[in-house]
C-alpha atoms as a PDB file:
ATOM      1  CA  MET A   1      21.122 -35.265  32.552  1.00  0.00           C
ATOM      2  CA  PRO A   2      17.616 -36.269  31.524  1.00  0.00           C
ATOM      3  CA  THR A   3      17.399 -38.285  28.268  1.00  0.00           C
ATOM      4  CA  LYS A   4      13.943 -36.920  27.441  1.00  0.00           C
ATOM      5  CA  MET A   5      12.867 -33.337  27.889  1.00  0.00           C
ATOM      6  CA  PRO A   6       9.287 -32.496  28.981  1.00  0.00           C
ATOM      7  CA  ASP A   7       6.792 -31.196  26.302  1.00  0.00           C
ATOM      8  CA  ILE A   8       4.138 -29.387  28.241  1.00  0.00           C
ATOM      9  CA  ALA A   9       2.200 -28.375  25.152  1.00  0.00           C
ATOM     10  CA  ASN A  10       1.659 -32.011  24.213  1.00  0.00           C
ATOM     11  CA  GLN A  11       1.303 -33.462  27.740  1.00  0.00           C
ATOM     12  CA  ALA A  12      -0.590 -30.871  29.734  1.00  0.00           C
ATOM     13  CA  GLN A  13      -4.307 -30.075  29.498  1.00  0.00           C
ATOM     14  CA  ALA A  14      -5.553 -26.568  29.241  1.00  0.00           C
ATOM     15  CA  GLN A  15      -6.324 -24.953  32.597  1.00  0.00           C
ATOM     16  CA  THR A  16      -9.548 -23.486  31.163  1.00  0.00           C
ATOM     17  CA  GLU A  17     -11.032 -25.311  28.156  1.00  0.00           C
ATOM     18  CA  GLY A  18     -11.922 -23.370  24.978  1.00  0.00           C
ATOM     19  CA  VAL A  19     -11.167 -22.941  21.299  1.00  0.00           C
ATOM     20  CA  LEU A  20      -9.104 -19.974  20.153  1.00  0.00           C
ATOM     21  CA  ASP A  21      -9.335 -18.052  16.854  1.00  0.00           C
ATOM     22  CA  TRP A  22      -5.583 -17.519  16.375  1.00  0.00           C
ATOM     23  CA  VAL A  23      -2.401 -18.509  18.147  1.00  0.00           C
ATOM     24  CA  GLY A  24       1.122 -17.767  16.909  1.00  0.00           C
ATOM     25  CA  MET A  25       3.843 -15.159  16.601  1.00  0.00           C
ATOM     26  CA  SER A  26       4.175 -11.619  15.306  1.00  0.00           C
ATOM     27  CA  ASN A  27       7.025  -9.172  14.608  1.00  0.00           C
ATOM     28  CA  ILE A  28       9.329 -11.992  13.421  1.00  0.00           C
ATOM     29  CA  GLU A  29      12.352 -10.265  11.846  1.00  0.00           C
ATOM     30  CA  MET A  30      13.422 -12.243   8.726  1.00  0.00           C
ATOM     31  CA  PRO A  31      15.045 -11.607   5.267  1.00  0.00           C
ATOM     32  CA  ILE A  32      12.767 -12.831   2.463  1.00  0.00           C
ATOM     33  CA  MET A  33      13.287 -13.156  -1.273  1.00  0.00           C
ATOM     34  CA  VAL A  34      10.133 -11.817  -2.932  1.00  0.00           C
ATOM     35  CA  GLU A  35       9.368 -12.768  -6.561  1.00  0.00           C
ATOM     36  CA  MET A  36       7.891  -9.885  -8.477  1.00  0.00           C
ATOM     37  CA  GLN A  37       7.129 -10.125 -12.150  1.00  0.00           C
ATOM     38  CA  GLY A  38      10.114 -12.370 -13.044  1.00  0.00           C
ATOM     39  CA  GLU A  39      12.548 -10.742 -10.589  1.00  0.00           C
ATOM     40  CA  SER A  40      13.562 -11.911  -7.133  1.00  0.00           C
ATOM     41  CA  ARG A  41      14.335  -9.141  -4.668  1.00  0.00           C
ATOM     42  CA  PRO A  42      15.643  -9.490  -1.046  1.00  0.00           C
ATOM     43  CA  VAL A  43      13.695  -7.563   1.511  1.00  0.00           C
ATOM     44  CA  SER A  44      13.787  -7.250   5.292  1.00  0.00           C
ATOM     45  CA  ALA A  45      10.396  -8.347   6.524  1.00  0.00           C
ATOM     46  CA  LEU A  46       8.318  -8.407   9.702  1.00  0.00           C
ATOM     47  CA  VAL A  47       6.288 -11.565   9.667  1.00  0.00           C
ATOM     48  CA  GLU A  48       3.377 -12.867  11.602  1.00  0.00           C
ATOM     49  CA  ALA A  49       2.186 -16.497  11.579  1.00  0.00           C
ATOM     50  CA  PHE A  50      -0.876 -18.049  13.170  1.00  0.00           C
ATOM     51  CA  VAL A  51      -3.066 -21.130  13.323  1.00  0.00           C
ATOM     52  CA  ASN A  52      -6.370 -21.530  15.047  1.00  0.00           C
ATOM     53  CA  LEU A  53      -6.663 -23.798  18.080  1.00  0.00           C
ATOM     54  CA  ASN A  54      -9.887 -25.793  17.679  1.00  0.00           C
ATOM     55  CA  GLN A  55      -9.143 -28.411  20.340  1.00  0.00           C
ATOM     56  CA  PRO A  56     -10.610 -26.955  23.605  1.00  0.00           C
ATOM     57  CA  LYS A  57      -8.549 -29.247  25.885  1.00  0.00           C
ATOM     58  CA  ALA A  58      -5.194 -28.729  24.103  1.00  0.00           C
ATOM     59  CA  LYS A  59      -2.678 -26.695  26.061  1.00  0.00           C
ATOM     60  CA  GLY A  60      -1.284 -24.857  22.985  1.00  0.00           C
ATOM     61  CA  ILE A  61       0.140 -25.038  19.472  1.00  0.00           C
ATOM     62  CA  HIS A  62       3.666 -25.816  18.252  1.00  0.00           C
ATOM     63  CA  MET A  63       5.065 -22.344  17.568  1.00  0.00           C
ATOM     64  CA  SER A  64       8.523 -23.508  16.783  1.00  0.00           C
ATOM     65  CA  ARG A  65       7.187 -25.560  13.774  1.00  0.00           C
ATOM     66  CA  LEU A  66       5.679 -22.309  12.357  1.00  0.00           C
ATOM     67  CA  TYR A  67       8.995 -20.542  12.784  1.00  0.00           C
ATOM     68  CA  LEU A  68      11.081 -23.254  11.274  1.00  0.00           C
ATOM     69  CA  MET A  69       8.856 -23.374   8.182  1.00  0.00           C
ATOM     70  CA  LEU A  70       9.196 -19.579   7.752  1.00  0.00           C
ATOM     71  CA  ASP A  71      12.969 -20.029   8.135  1.00  0.00           C
ATOM     72  CA  GLU A  72      13.002 -22.657   5.488  1.00  0.00           C
ATOM     73  CA  LEU A  73      11.188 -20.246   3.116  1.00  0.00           C
ATOM     74  CA  SER A  74      13.657 -17.511   3.965  1.00  0.00           C
ATOM     75  CA  VAL A  75      16.828 -19.619   3.373  1.00  0.00           C
ATOM     76  CA  GLU A  76      15.832 -22.082   0.556  1.00  0.00           C
ATOM     77  CA  SER A  77      13.039 -20.455  -1.479  1.00  0.00           C
ATOM     78  CA  ALA A  78      11.294 -17.263  -2.491  1.00  0.00           C
ATOM     79  CA  LEU A  79       7.937 -15.740  -1.695  1.00  0.00           C
ATOM     80  CA  ASN A  80       5.405 -16.091  -4.506  1.00  0.00           C
ATOM     81  CA  GLN A  81       1.792 -17.161  -4.513  1.00  0.00           C
ATOM     82  CA  SER A  82       2.352 -20.846  -4.948  1.00  0.00           C
ATOM     83  CA  ASN A  83       4.951 -20.950  -2.108  1.00  0.00           C
ATOM     84  CA  LEU A  84       2.601 -18.927   0.143  1.00  0.00           C
ATOM     85  CA  VAL A  85      -0.111 -21.478  -0.533  1.00  0.00           C
ATOM     86  CA  LYS A  86       2.334 -24.290   0.294  1.00  0.00           C
ATOM     87  CA  LEU A  87       3.411 -22.580   3.472  1.00  0.00           C
ATOM     88  CA  LEU A  88      -0.183 -22.182   4.643  1.00  0.00           C
ATOM     89  CA  ASN A  89      -0.897 -25.827   3.909  1.00  0.00           C
ATOM     90  CA  ASN A  90       2.185 -26.924   5.874  1.00  0.00           C
ATOM     91  CA  PHE A  91       1.146 -24.821   8.806  1.00  0.00           C
ATOM     92  CA  ILE A  92      -2.064 -26.962   9.042  1.00  0.00           C
ATOM     93  CA  VAL A  93      -0.411 -30.199   8.282  1.00  0.00           C
ATOM     94  CA  SER A  94       2.027 -29.642  11.153  1.00  0.00           C
ATOM     95  CA  HIS A  95      -0.985 -28.984  13.450  1.00  0.00           C
ATOM     96  CA  GLU A  96      -3.454 -31.511  11.953  1.00  0.00           C
ATOM     97  CA  ASP A  97      -4.868 -32.532  15.358  1.00  0.00           C
ATOM     98  CA  LEU A  98      -5.141 -28.887  16.506  1.00  0.00           C
ATOM     99  CA  SER A  99      -5.946 -26.620  13.586  1.00  0.00           C
ATOM    100  CA  ASN A 100      -7.783 -26.146  10.361  1.00  0.00           C
ATOM    101  CA  SER A 101      -7.122 -22.512   9.504  1.00  0.00           C
ATOM    102  CA  ALA A 102      -3.845 -20.623   8.956  1.00  0.00           C
ATOM    103  CA  HIS A 103      -2.688 -17.005   8.494  1.00  0.00           C
ATOM    104  CA  VAL A 104       0.629 -15.406   7.546  1.00  0.00           C
ATOM    105  CA  LYS A 105       1.534 -11.752   6.900  1.00  0.00           C
ATOM    106  CA  PHE A 106       4.776 -10.244   5.467  1.00  0.00           C
ATOM    107  CA  GLU A 107       5.403  -6.497   5.873  1.00  0.00           C
ATOM    108  CA  PHE A 108       8.336  -4.741   4.239  1.00  0.00           C
ATOM    109  CA  ASP A 109       9.451  -1.710   2.282  1.00  0.00           C
ATOM    110  CA  TYR A 110       9.906  -2.336  -1.454  1.00  0.00           C
ATOM    111  CA  HIS A 111      12.464   0.030  -2.974  1.00  0.00           C
ATOM    112  CA  LEU A 112      12.060   1.134  -6.599  1.00  0.00           C
ATOM    113  CA  ARG A 113      14.355   3.263  -8.762  1.00  0.00           C
ATOM    114  CA  ARG A 114      12.161   6.095 -10.039  1.00  0.00           C
ATOM    115  CA  LYS A 115      13.165   8.595 -12.795  1.00  0.00           C
ATOM    116  CA  SER A 116      12.608  12.255 -12.352  1.00  0.00           C
ATOM    117  CA  LEU A 117      10.059  14.031 -14.544  1.00  0.00           C
ATOM    118  CA  ILE A 118      12.292  15.975 -16.967  1.00  0.00           C
ATOM    119  CA  SER A 119      15.970  15.672 -16.144  1.00  0.00           C
ATOM    120  CA  GLY A 120      15.966  11.864 -15.981  1.00  0.00           C
ATOM    121  CA  LYS A 121      17.789  11.721 -12.643  1.00  0.00           C
ATOM    122  CA  LEU A 122      17.201   8.540 -10.782  1.00  0.00           C
ATOM    123  CA  GLY A 123      16.494   8.025  -7.025  1.00  0.00           C
ATOM    124  CA  TRP A 124      15.047   5.431  -4.612  1.00  0.00           C
ATOM    125  CA  LYS A 125      11.493   5.502  -3.401  1.00  0.00           C
ATOM    126  CA  ALA A 126      10.321   3.075  -0.655  1.00  0.00           C
ATOM    127  CA  TYR A 127       6.780   1.690  -0.842  1.00  0.00           C
ATOM    128  CA  PRO A 128       5.346  -0.013   2.228  1.00  0.00           C
ATOM    129  CA  VAL A 129       4.041  -3.458   1.122  1.00  0.00           C
ATOM    130  CA  VAL A 130       1.963  -6.041   3.012  1.00  0.00           C
ATOM    131  CA  ILE A 131       1.419  -9.589   1.646  1.00  0.00           C
ATOM    132  CA  THR A 132      -1.186 -11.580   3.502  1.00  0.00           C
ATOM    133  CA  GLY A 133      -2.281 -15.214   3.131  1.00  0.00           C
ATOM    134  CA  ASN A 134      -5.205 -17.050   4.746  1.00  0.00           C
ATOM    135  CA  LEU A 135      -6.337 -20.587   4.550  1.00  0.00           C
ATOM    136  CA  THR A 136      -9.863 -21.169   5.906  1.00  0.00           C
ATOM    137  CA  GLU A 137     -11.860 -24.323   5.404  1.00  0.00           C
ATOM    138  CA  GLY A 138      -9.815 -25.246   2.400  1.00  0.00           C
ATOM    139  CA  GLU A 139     -10.140 -21.852   0.695  1.00  0.00           C
ATOM    140  CA  PHE A 140      -7.113 -19.659   0.056  1.00  0.00           C
ATOM    141  CA  ASP A 141      -7.152 -15.915   0.108  1.00  0.00           C
ATOM    142  CA  ILE A 142      -4.034 -13.887  -0.957  1.00  0.00           C
ATOM    143  CA  GLU A 143      -3.871 -10.201  -0.565  1.00  0.00           C
ATOM    144  CA  LEU A 144      -1.426  -7.591  -1.727  1.00  0.00           C
ATOM    145  CA  ALA A 145      -1.456  -4.173  -0.127  1.00  0.00           C
ATOM    146  CA  VAL A 146       0.668  -1.030  -0.951  1.00  0.00           C
ATOM    147  CA  LYS A 147       0.844   2.593   0.151  1.00  0.00           C
ATOM    148  CA  VAL A 148       1.691   5.208  -2.495  1.00  0.00           C
ATOM    149  CA  PRO A 149       2.456   8.880  -1.613  1.00  0.00           C
ATOM    150  CA  TYR A 150       1.389  11.585  -3.969  1.00  0.00           C
ATOM    151  CA  SER A 151       0.647  15.341  -3.992  1.00  0.00           C
ATOM    152  CA  SER A 152      -2.999  16.723  -4.065  1.00  0.00           C
ATOM    153  CA  THR A 153      -3.865  20.294  -4.905  1.00  0.00           C
ATOM    154  CA  CYS A 154      -7.282  21.607  -3.841  1.00  0.00           C
ATOM    155  CA  PRO A 155      -9.609  22.646  -6.754  1.00  0.00           C
ATOM    156  CA  CYS A 156     -11.444  25.058  -4.438  1.00  0.00           C
ATOM    157  CA  SER A 157      -8.288  26.718  -3.314  1.00  0.00           C
ATOM    158  CA  ALA A 158      -7.064  26.923  -6.936  1.00  0.00           C
ATOM    159  CA  ALA A 159     -10.298  28.757  -7.978  1.00  0.00           C
ATOM    160  CA  LEU A 160      -9.959  31.222  -5.131  1.00  0.00           C
ATOM    161  CA  ALA A 161      -6.363  31.849  -6.029  1.00  0.00           C
ATOM    162  CA  ARG A 162      -7.252  32.533  -9.628  1.00  0.00           C
ATOM    163  CA  GLN A 163      -9.871  35.009  -8.565  1.00  0.00           C
ATOM    164  CA  LEU A 164      -7.393  36.893  -6.470  1.00  0.00           C
ATOM    165  CA  ILE A 165      -5.000  37.065  -9.473  1.00  0.00           C
ATOM    166  CA  GLN A 166      -7.800  38.377 -11.685  1.00  0.00           C
ATOM    167  CA  ASN A 167      -8.628  41.066  -9.042  1.00  0.00           C
ATOM    168  CA  ALA A 168      -4.951  42.028  -8.809  1.00  0.00           C
ATOM    169  CA  PHE A 169      -4.825  42.266 -12.641  1.00  0.00           C
ATOM    170  CA  ASN A 170      -7.816  44.581 -12.735  1.00  0.00           C
ATOM    171  CA  GLU A 171      -6.212  46.818 -10.173  1.00  0.00           C
ATOM    172  CA  LYS A 172      -2.981  46.959 -12.034  1.00  0.00           C
ATOM    173  CA  PHE A 173      -4.206  47.363 -15.591  1.00  0.00           C
ATOM    174  CA  SER A 174      -6.933  49.308 -17.242  1.00  0.00           C
ATOM    175  CA  GLY A 175      -7.849  50.021 -20.840  1.00  0.00           C
ATOM    176  CA  GLU A 176      -5.371  48.872 -23.474  1.00  0.00           C
ATOM    177  CA  VAL A 177      -2.508  46.765 -22.073  1.00  0.00           C
ATOM    178  CA  ASN A 178       0.912  45.875 -23.382  1.00  0.00           C
ATOM    179  CA  ALA A 179       1.604  42.138 -23.556  1.00  0.00           C
ATOM    180  CA  GLU A 180       5.226  42.571 -22.400  1.00  0.00           C
ATOM    181  CA  ASP A 181       4.095  44.630 -19.372  1.00  0.00           C
ATOM    182  CA  VAL A 182       1.594  41.896 -18.406  1.00  0.00           C
ATOM    183  CA  ARG A 183       4.219  39.109 -18.943  1.00  0.00           C
ATOM    184  CA  ASN A 184       6.715  40.872 -16.639  1.00  0.00           C
ATOM    185  CA  TRP A 185       4.014  41.566 -14.063  1.00  0.00           C
ATOM    186  CA  LEU A 186       2.991  37.908 -13.976  1.00  0.00           C
ATOM    187  CA  GLY A 187       6.639  37.054 -13.023  1.00  0.00           C
ATOM    188  CA  THR A 188       6.354  38.950  -9.759  1.00  0.00           C
ATOM    189  CA  THR A 189       4.791  38.156  -6.470  1.00  0.00           C
ATOM    190  CA  GLU A 190       2.366  40.992  -7.059  1.00  0.00           C
ATOM    191  CA  GLY A 191       1.195  39.260 -10.249  1.00  0.00           C
ATOM    192  CA  ILE A 192       0.758  35.806  -8.687  1.00  0.00           C
ATOM    193  CA  VAL A 193      -0.675  37.155  -5.503  1.00  0.00           C
ATOM    194  CA  ALA A 194      -1.978  33.782  -4.317  1.00  0.00           C
ATOM    195  CA  THR A 195      -1.308  30.051  -4.814  1.00  0.00           C
ATOM    196  CA  PRO A 196      -3.560  27.063  -4.115  1.00  0.00           C
ATOM    197  CA  HIS A 197      -2.707  24.783  -1.252  1.00  0.00           C
ATOM    198  CA  SER A 198      -1.326  21.339  -1.789  1.00  0.00           C
ATOM    199  CA  GLN A 199      -0.546  18.521   0.629  1.00  0.00           C
ATOM    200  CA  ARG A 200       1.308  15.216   0.653  1.00  0.00           C
ATOM    201  CA  SER A 201      -1.302  12.472   0.397  1.00  0.00           C
ATOM    202  CA  ILE A 202      -1.310   8.742   0.725  1.00  0.00           C
ATOM    203  CA  ALA A 203      -3.223   6.100  -1.272  1.00  0.00           C
ATOM    204  CA  GLU A 204      -3.655   2.778   0.567  1.00  0.00           C
ATOM    205  CA  VAL A 205      -4.725   0.010  -1.746  1.00  0.00           C
ATOM    206  CA  LYS A 206      -5.418  -3.670  -1.122  1.00  0.00           C
ATOM    207  CA  VAL A 207      -6.127  -6.174  -3.854  1.00  0.00           C
ATOM    208  CA  LYS A 208      -7.203  -9.851  -3.752  1.00  0.00           C
ATOM    209  CA  LEU A 209      -5.084 -11.820  -6.194  1.00  0.00           C
ATOM    210  CA  ALA A 210      -6.540 -14.305  -8.558  1.00  0.00           C
ATOM    211  CA  ALA A 211      -5.082 -17.911  -8.441  1.00  0.00           C
ATOM    212  CA  SER A 212      -3.686 -17.339 -11.939  1.00  0.00           C
ATOM    213  CA  VAL A 213      -1.293 -14.702 -10.540  1.00  0.00           C
ATOM    214  CA  ASP A 214       1.849 -16.289  -9.187  1.00  0.00           C
ATOM    215  CA  ASP A 215       4.582 -13.579  -8.733  1.00  0.00           C
ATOM    216  CA  PHE A 216       3.389 -10.550  -6.797  1.00  0.00           C
ATOM    217  CA  PRO A 217       2.571  -7.538  -9.204  1.00  0.00           C
ATOM    218  CA  ILE A 218       3.967  -4.944  -6.914  1.00  0.00           C
ATOM    219  CA  VAL A 219       5.436  -2.639  -9.585  1.00  0.00           C
ATOM    220  CA  ASP A 220       2.308  -2.925 -11.741  1.00  0.00           C
ATOM    221  CA  LEU A 221       0.028  -1.998  -8.886  1.00  0.00           C
ATOM    222  CA  VAL A 222       2.170   0.955  -7.930  1.00  0.00           C
ATOM    223  CA  ASP A 223       2.438   2.161 -11.518  1.00  0.00           C
ATOM    224  CA  ALA A 224      -1.314   1.892 -11.997  1.00  0.00           C
ATOM    225  CA  ILE A 225      -1.944   4.097  -8.916  1.00  0.00           C
ATOM    226  CA  GLU A 226       0.697   6.664  -9.834  1.00  0.00           C
ATOM    227  CA  ASP A 227      -0.423   6.797 -13.458  1.00  0.00           C
ATOM    228  CA  ALA A 228      -3.983   7.400 -12.335  1.00  0.00           C
ATOM    229  CA  LEU A 229      -3.054  10.245  -9.920  1.00  0.00           C
ATOM    230  CA  GLN A 230      -0.287  11.869 -12.133  1.00  0.00           C
ATOM    231  CA  THR A 231       1.380  13.578  -9.167  1.00  0.00           C
ATOM    232  CA  PRO A 232       3.471  10.985  -7.337  1.00  0.00           C
ATOM    233  CA  VAL A 233       6.102  12.372  -4.950  1.00  0.00           C
ATOM    234  CA  GLN A 234       9.562  12.599  -6.441  1.00  0.00           C
ATOM    235  CA  ALA A 235      12.989  11.278  -5.448  1.00  0.00           C
ATOM    236  CA  ALA A 236      16.000  13.101  -7.113  1.00  0.00           C
ATOM    237  CA  VAL A 237      14.884  16.423  -8.679  1.00  0.00           C
ATOM    238  CA  LYS A 238      16.480  19.373 -10.546  1.00  0.00           C
ATOM    239  CA  ARG A 239      14.719  22.747 -10.995  1.00  0.00           C
ATOM    240  CA  GLU A 240      13.185  21.618 -14.276  1.00  0.00           C
ATOM    241  CA  ASP A 241      11.621  18.601 -12.451  1.00  0.00           C
ATOM    242  CA  GLU A 242      10.241  20.811  -9.713  1.00  0.00           C
ATOM    243  CA  GLN A 243       8.688  23.095 -12.351  1.00  0.00           C
ATOM    244  CA  GLU A 244       7.158  20.108 -14.074  1.00  0.00           C
ATOM    245  CA  PHE A 245       5.792  18.875 -10.779  1.00  0.00           C
ATOM    246  CA  ALA A 246       4.192  22.281 -10.177  1.00  0.00           C
ATOM    247  CA  ARG A 247       2.570  22.081 -13.638  1.00  0.00           C
ATOM    248  CA  LEU A 248       1.291  18.527 -13.009  1.00  0.00           C
ATOM    249  CA  ASN A 249      -0.280  19.673  -9.817  1.00  0.00           C
ATOM    250  CA  GLY A 250      -1.889  22.634 -11.528  1.00  0.00           C
ATOM    251  CA  GLN A 251      -3.354  20.376 -14.219  1.00  0.00           C
ATOM    252  CA  ASN A 252      -4.479  17.599 -11.865  1.00  0.00           C
ATOM    253  CA  LEU A 253      -6.445  19.445  -9.212  1.00  0.00           C
ATOM    254  CA  MET A 254      -8.336  16.919  -7.003  1.00  0.00           C
ATOM    255  CA  PHE A 255     -10.384  16.456  -3.972  1.00  0.00           C
ATOM    256  CA  CYS A 256     -10.040  13.221  -2.128  1.00  0.00           C
ATOM    257  CA  GLU A 257     -13.212  12.029  -3.938  1.00  0.00           C
ATOM    258  CA  ASP A 258     -11.528  12.659  -7.319  1.00  0.00           C
ATOM    259  CA  ALA A 259      -8.417  10.660  -6.288  1.00  0.00           C
ATOM    260  CA  SER A 260     -10.475   7.630  -5.114  1.00  0.00           C
ATOM    261  CA  ARG A 261     -12.488   7.601  -8.343  1.00  0.00           C
ATOM    262  CA  ARG A 262      -9.327   7.779 -10.442  1.00  0.00           C
ATOM    263  CA  ILE A 263      -7.773   4.777  -8.626  1.00  0.00           C
ATOM    264  CA  LYS A 264     -11.025   2.837  -8.700  1.00  0.00           C
ATOM    265  CA  HIS A 265     -11.420   3.309 -12.461  1.00  0.00           C
ATOM    266  CA  ALA A 266      -7.833   2.122 -13.088  1.00  0.00           C
ATOM    267  CA  LEU A 267      -8.192  -0.946 -10.898  1.00  0.00           C
ATOM    268  CA  ASN A 268     -11.501  -1.896 -12.522  1.00  0.00           C
ATOM    269  CA  HIS A 269      -9.556  -2.400 -15.818  1.00  0.00           C
ATOM    270  CA  ILE A 270      -6.833  -4.695 -14.509  1.00  0.00           C
ATOM    271  CA  ASP A 271      -7.196  -8.477 -14.741  1.00  0.00           C
ATOM    272  CA  GLY A 272      -5.881 -10.613 -11.930  1.00  0.00           C
ATOM    273  CA  TYR A 273      -7.568  -8.556  -9.102  1.00  0.00           C
ATOM    274  CA  ARG A 274     -10.603 -10.476  -7.831  1.00  0.00           C
ATOM    275  CA  ASP A 275     -11.398  -7.609  -5.406  1.00  0.00           C
ATOM    276  CA  PHE A 276      -9.876  -4.397  -4.138  1.00  0.00           C
ATOM    277  CA  TRP A 277     -10.216  -1.768  -1.413  1.00  0.00           C
ATOM    278  CA  LEU A 278      -8.714   1.617  -1.307  1.00  0.00           C
ATOM    279  CA  ARG A 279      -8.443   4.627   1.026  1.00  0.00           C
ATOM    280  CA  VAL A 280      -6.991   7.989   0.087  1.00  0.00           C
ATOM    281  CA  ASN A 281      -5.769  10.308   2.796  1.00  0.00           C
ATOM    282  CA  HIS A 282      -5.234  14.005   2.162  1.00  0.00           C
ATOM    283  CA  TYR A 283      -3.211  15.373   4.984  1.00  0.00           C
ATOM    284  CA  GLU A 284      -4.558  18.819   4.821  1.00  0.00           C
ATOM    285  CA  SER A 285      -2.432  21.938   4.857  1.00  0.00           C
ATOM    286  CA  LEU A 286      -5.458  24.213   5.347  1.00  0.00           C
ATOM    287  CA  HIS A 287      -7.227  22.227   8.076  1.00  0.00           C
ATOM    288  CA  ALA A 288      -5.963  20.502  11.203  1.00  0.00           C
ATOM    289  CA  HIS A 289      -7.885  17.362  10.105  1.00  0.00           C
ATOM    290  CA  ASP A 290      -7.499  15.020   7.182  1.00  0.00           C
ATOM    291  CA  ALA A 291      -9.789  14.535   4.112  1.00  0.00           C
ATOM    292  CA  VAL A 292     -10.494  10.847   3.472  1.00  0.00           C
ATOM    293  CA  SER A 293     -12.315   8.865   0.851  1.00  0.00           C
ATOM    294  CA  VAL A 294     -12.829   5.080   0.830  1.00  0.00           C
ATOM    295  CA  ALA A 295     -13.949   2.796  -1.966  1.00  0.00           C
ATOM    296  CA  SER A 296     -14.139  -0.812  -2.886  1.00  0.00           C
ATOM    297  CA  LYS A 297     -14.758  -2.876  -6.046  1.00  0.00           C
ATOM    298  CA  GLY A 298     -18.251  -3.873  -4.815  1.00  0.00           C
ATOM    299  CA  VAL A 299     -17.929  -7.646  -4.997  1.00  0.00           C
ATOM    300  CA  SER A 300     -20.627  -9.532  -3.221  1.00  0.00           C
ATOM    301  CA  GLY A 301     -19.151 -10.865   0.076  1.00  0.00           C
ATOM    302  CA  GLY A 302     -15.888  -8.957  -0.686  1.00  0.00           C
ATOM    303  CA  TYR A 303     -14.264  -5.930   0.874  1.00  0.00           C
ATOM    304  CA  SER A 304     -16.426  -3.445   2.761  1.00  0.00           C
ATOM    305  CA  SER A 305     -15.860   0.226   2.510  1.00  0.00           C
ATOM    306  CA  ARG A 306     -16.540   0.645   6.214  1.00  0.00           C
END
C-alpha cells in the first residue's frame, strides 16, 4: 500500500487559470448550539461555507478544512457572534495562500413557546432563522434574518363590509328602533351581511448586528415585529382566543404599506442594529397575486430596497 496519498488540490495546476469569487460547500446538515440572550438552544441547521480563490493557478481549496472547523463548532462550542468571527478568521488562516474572504450561513427553525391571547394556553411556533457571516478585506459583517407570520385584514374590504351592514340595517329598521331587536339582529348572518377579507402574511426581516451584540437577539427581533403588527398567527387556541384574534384583526386593519411602516418604525428604535431590510408579503385572498412592500433603514452603502 502507498505510504503517501496524492493531494491533487495541492500538486496540480488549474486546467484554466482564473480567480473565483466563492468555493465551498452548501446544504451541510449539522446540529448547532445557538446562544440567544443568555440561553443556549440546540437546532438542526443547514450550513454553507465558502472562501474565495484568489490564486489563478491553484487547482482548488481545502474543503475538508472548512467542514472540520464547522464540526468543531458543532461539538465543542456554541454559535454566537464572537465564535462566528473566530470561525471566519480560521477559514482564511487555513487558506492563507489561497483566500482572503470568507462566508458562512446557518439556516434553521427556531421554536418558541407562545401563549394564546386570552386562555393562556401554550403552543410551539417555528420561526425560520438565517444567520450569515462575511469577512471581506478584514471587515466583518454579521446578519440575522427571521420570517414572522401574521394576519392582515384589508382596510378597503372592511369599509365596504361596513357599508353593506349599514345598508342592511336601513332595509331592516325604520323610524324608532328597539335596542334589543337591533342587538339580536346583529347576532345573525342577516345582520352581519359581509365580513372583510384577511390573509396570512409573512414579514421577512434582516438586520446587521453591531459588534457590541454577542448573543443573537432572535426572540427580541421576533417580539418587536409581532408587537408592531399586533396580529401574529396563533398556536394553541380556545374560542375566547379566536374571538380576541378577530377583534385584533378588526382593530389593526392594514395594507402592506402600513405593515412595513409599523415594522420600520419599531426597528428604528432598537439599538444594536446597524442596518435593516424588510419585506412584507400579503398572500391575498381576494386576488391571485400577492401584495408586497419593501423598506430599508436607509444607511449610506447599506441595504437596498430593490
